[in-house]
C-alpha cells in the first residue's frame, strides 16, 4: 500500500493524468480522485484544516473518511490501521506531522527502486504500470 499511495500521488500530480489509460474503475478512492486530476500542494492545503502547513494523522483520516462518504465509497475494515502505517512511513522525521517535502520524498523513494538517487525510465514505467495494475486501470496502448 505504501507503494500504491506514493505512485498514485506521482501520477496524480502530473499534467497528463487523463491521457494514460482507457478506463477508471470506481472501486478505488485513488482512481476516483486521479480521474479528476489533482495537485499535491492543493490537496495538502485542503486537508490541512488547522492551517499549520503540515498534516497530522487525524486530518488525514478525516479527509479519507469525508472523501469516501462524498463518493459513496465504503472503507474496508482496518483502513485506519493501514492509514497510520502509511502515515508513519511518510513521516520521515517521526514528529507526527507530514509535510509536502516528506510526501515528495516518499514518492521519489517509492519510484527509485534501485535507490541510486535517480529515476530511470524503467523505474518510472514500472511504477506507473504497477499502480495501474493494482487499481485495475487499463493503460492505453503505447502510453
Foldseek 3Di string as FASTA:
>chain_A
DLLLVLLLLVLLQDPCQCQWFDDQDLQDLSSVSSNVGDHLQVVQCVLPPVPPQWDALVSVVVVVVVSCVVSVHDDDPPPSVVSVVSVCVLPVVRPRIHHPVSSNVSSQVSLPVVPPSDHDPVSNVVSNVVNCVVRVTGTDPPD
